[in-house]
Protein backbone atom coordinates (compact mmCIF):
# COMPACT_ATOMS: atom_id res chain seq x y z
CA MET A 1 138.22 168.94 65.78
CA ASN A 2 141.37 168.18 67.33
CA VAL A 3 139.40 168.04 70.60
CA LEU A 4 136.64 165.93 69.22
CA LEU A 5 139.01 163.52 68.06
CA GLY A 6 140.53 163.42 71.32
CA ILE A 7 136.87 163.07 73.00
CA PHE A 8 136.27 160.53 70.90
CA CYS A 9 139.52 158.62 71.53
CA GLN A 10 139.01 158.81 75.14
CA CYS A 11 135.66 157.24 74.98
CA ALA A 12 137.01 154.16 72.93
CA ILE A 13 139.83 153.35 75.63
CA ASP A 14 137.39 153.60 78.23
CA THR A 15 134.57 151.20 77.14
CA ALA A 16 137.76 148.83 75.82
CA SER A 17 139.21 148.99 79.66
CA GLN A 18 135.69 148.34 80.81
CA ASP A 19 135.02 145.59 78.09
CA ASN A 20 138.46 144.05 79.48
CA GLU A 21 137.10 144.36 83.24
CA HIS A 22 133.95 142.93 82.55
CA VAL A 23 135.41 140.34 80.31
CA ILE A 24 137.74 138.73 83.36
CA GLN A 25 134.86 139.01 85.30
CA LEU A 26 133.00 136.96 83.61
CA GLN A 27 135.44 134.38 82.76
CA LEU A 28 136.17 134.36 86.81
CA GLN A 29 131.97 133.70 87.10
CA GLU A 30 132.26 130.91 84.69
CA LYS A 31 134.82 129.21 86.55
CA THR A 32 133.48 129.99 89.75
CA ARG A 33 130.25 128.21 88.36
CA PHE A 34 131.95 125.46 87.01
CA VAL A 35 133.90 124.61 90.37
CA ARG A 36 130.41 124.54 92.08
CA THR A 37 129.14 122.38 89.41
CA LEU A 38 132.14 119.80 90.16
CA ARG A 39 131.83 120.38 93.59
CA LYS A 40 128.24 118.99 93.59
CA LEU A 41 129.18 116.18 91.17
CA PHE A 42 131.64 114.79 92.99
CA GLN A 43 129.47 115.01 96.76
CA SER A 44 127.08 113.09 94.39
CA TRP A 45 129.41 110.20 93.44
CA ASP A 46 131.22 110.59 96.90
CA GLU A 47 128.85 107.44 98.09
CA SER A 48 130.69 106.27 101.46
CA GLY A 49 131.29 109.90 102.47
CA THR A 50 134.73 109.76 102.80
CA GLY A 51 135.56 113.02 100.64
CA THR A 52 137.40 110.09 98.25
CA CYS A 53 135.86 108.59 94.87
CA SER A 54 137.31 105.04 94.49
CA TYR A 55 137.63 104.21 90.96
CA ASP A 56 134.31 101.49 91.45
CA GLU A 57 132.35 104.42 92.36
CA PHE A 58 133.64 106.55 89.81
CA GLU A 59 133.23 103.59 87.08
CA LYS A 60 129.26 103.19 88.97
CA HIS A 61 128.88 106.99 87.46
CA ILE A 62 130.53 107.46 84.47
CA TRP A 63 127.96 106.63 82.29
CA GLU A 64 125.25 108.74 83.72
CA GLU A 65 123.96 111.61 81.67
CA LYS A 66 125.58 114.42 84.01
CA THR A 67 128.68 112.79 83.90
CA GLN A 68 128.36 112.53 80.03
CA ALA A 69 127.83 115.88 79.66
CA LEU A 70 130.78 117.02 81.95
CA LEU A 71 133.08 115.00 79.54
CA LYS A 72 131.65 116.80 76.64
CA SER A 73 132.10 120.38 77.77
CA LEU A 74 136.01 118.56 78.84
CA ASP A 75 136.73 117.11 74.81
CA ILE A 76 136.56 114.06 76.48
CA GLU A 77 135.46 110.78 74.38
CA SER A 78 133.33 108.13 76.41
CA ARG A 79 135.51 105.35 76.12
CA ASP A 80 138.67 107.36 77.29
CA ALA A 81 136.17 108.35 80.56
CA LEU A 82 137.91 105.16 82.78
CA SER A 83 141.37 106.36 81.78
CA LEU A 84 140.76 109.90 83.18
CA PHE A 85 140.16 108.20 86.41
CA SER A 86 143.99 107.38 86.04
CA PHE A 87 144.50 111.03 85.19
CA LEU A 88 143.00 112.26 88.04
CA ASP A 89 144.37 110.24 90.76
CA ALA A 90 147.57 112.33 91.05
CA ASP A 91 148.92 110.44 94.15
CA ALA A 92 148.32 107.03 92.73
CA SER A 93 146.84 106.25 96.05
CA GLY A 94 143.17 104.60 93.98
CA HIS A 95 141.46 107.01 95.39
CA VAL A 96 140.74 110.92 93.62
CA ASP A 97 139.65 113.42 96.52
CA LEU A 98 137.94 116.58 95.83
CA SER A 99 140.94 118.77 95.09
CA GLU A 100 142.38 116.27 92.64
CA PHE A 101 138.68 116.15 90.90
CA ILE A 102 138.52 119.72 90.47
CA SER A 103 142.27 120.90 89.95
CA GLY A 104 142.00 117.39 87.11
CA CYS A 105 139.05 118.98 85.54
CA ILE A 106 139.98 122.38 84.91
CA THR A 107 143.71 121.44 83.37
CA LEU A 108 141.79 119.12 81.12
CA ARG A 109 139.03 121.52 79.76
CA GLY A 110 139.63 123.10 76.60
CA GLY A 111 142.33 122.23 74.37
CA ALA A 112 146.29 121.95 74.95
CA LYS A 113 147.92 125.40 74.49
CA ALA A 114 150.56 126.22 73.01
CA MET A 115 152.51 126.77 76.32
CA GLN A 116 151.51 123.04 77.67
CA ILE A 117 152.53 121.63 74.36
CA GLU A 118 155.95 123.07 74.29
CA LYS A 119 156.32 122.46 78.61
CA LEU A 120 155.89 118.42 77.25
CA ALA A 121 158.17 118.96 74.35
CA ALA A 122 160.62 120.33 76.54
CA MET A 123 159.97 117.45 79.37
CA ASN A 124 160.38 114.88 76.70
CA GLN A 125 163.74 116.15 75.73
CA GLN A 126 164.94 116.28 79.05
CA PHE A 127 164.22 112.90 79.52
CA GLY A 128 165.54 111.62 76.32
CA VAL A 129 168.84 113.19 77.47
CA GLN A 130 168.26 111.74 81.10
CA LEU A 131 168.20 108.18 79.83
CA LYS A 132 170.67 108.41 77.39
CA GLN A 133 173.38 109.60 80.63
CA MET A 134 171.34 106.47 82.33
CA GLN A 135 172.44 104.18 79.21
CA ASN A 136 175.86 105.71 78.90
CA GLN A 137 176.46 104.78 82.86
CA LEU A 138 175.05 101.55 82.86
CA THR A 139 177.04 100.37 79.82
CA ASP A 140 180.17 101.77 81.78
CA ALA A 141 178.93 99.69 84.74
CA MET A 142 178.51 96.59 82.96
CA GLN A 143 181.67 97.21 80.63
CA ASN A 144 183.37 97.96 83.90
CA GLY A 145 181.94 94.84 85.74
CA HIS A 146 182.81 92.71 82.93
CA VAL A 147 186.34 93.49 83.18
CA GLN A 148 186.53 93.35 87.08
CA ALA A 149 185.03 89.74 86.82
CA ASN A 150 187.19 88.67 84.31
CA GLN A 151 190.59 89.83 85.97
CA ASN A 152 188.87 87.86 89.09
CA ARG A 153 188.40 85.14 86.88
CA THR A 154 192.04 85.32 85.72
CA HIS A 155 193.59 85.75 89.01
CA SER A 156 191.31 82.55 89.98
CA ASN A 157 192.93 80.31 87.46
CA ILE A 158 196.43 81.47 87.83
CA LYS A 159 196.07 81.10 91.81
CA ASN A 160 194.71 77.35 90.67
CA SER A 161 197.17 76.68 87.88
CA PRO A 162 199.27 73.63 88.57
CA GLU A 163 202.71 75.17 88.41
CA VAL A 164 201.50 77.50 91.00
CA GLN A 165 200.06 75.45 93.41
CA GLN A 166 203.70 73.48 92.88
CA GLN A 167 205.39 76.94 93.79
CA ALA A 168 203.14 77.31 97.05
CA SER A 169 203.51 73.91 98.32
CA GLU A 170 207.55 74.25 97.97
CA ASP A 171 207.68 77.48 99.88
CA ALA A 172 205.12 75.97 102.71
CA ARG A 173 208.46 73.22 103.29
């Protein structure tokens, strides 16, 4: 009986292992197919043959049926499609190259994961701390500059006072 139970358990473990490998293989195949589809779509948009897509080219093709299907698969609303260009244009060059297009679309695919949301929250918190530090430094600099300006003004007023000028003229004699 124990032998049969052991054989059954081993078969179940082997099957589960093969299922995991099969799932991984299917995911890799799906990603390869997705990248191939993105590459073909991008190449059809690149009318100038430069290997990049300008905002005008992007805007021209964004409403095509193929593009709309892609956006739907990425869960991107049609009204947000033109905003997509600025996200994809990672280097802010005004053009999107194939690499930016593919990596941006893969990043956008599917919903936000908990890890991505936590990363954004942490970055937001860091920016808040940095902003507060800069605000404090600016306040200190403005106060020190204000004090310095007041000291310069006071020194100038003393130097130009009639008493000081009279003393200076007497010293000069």
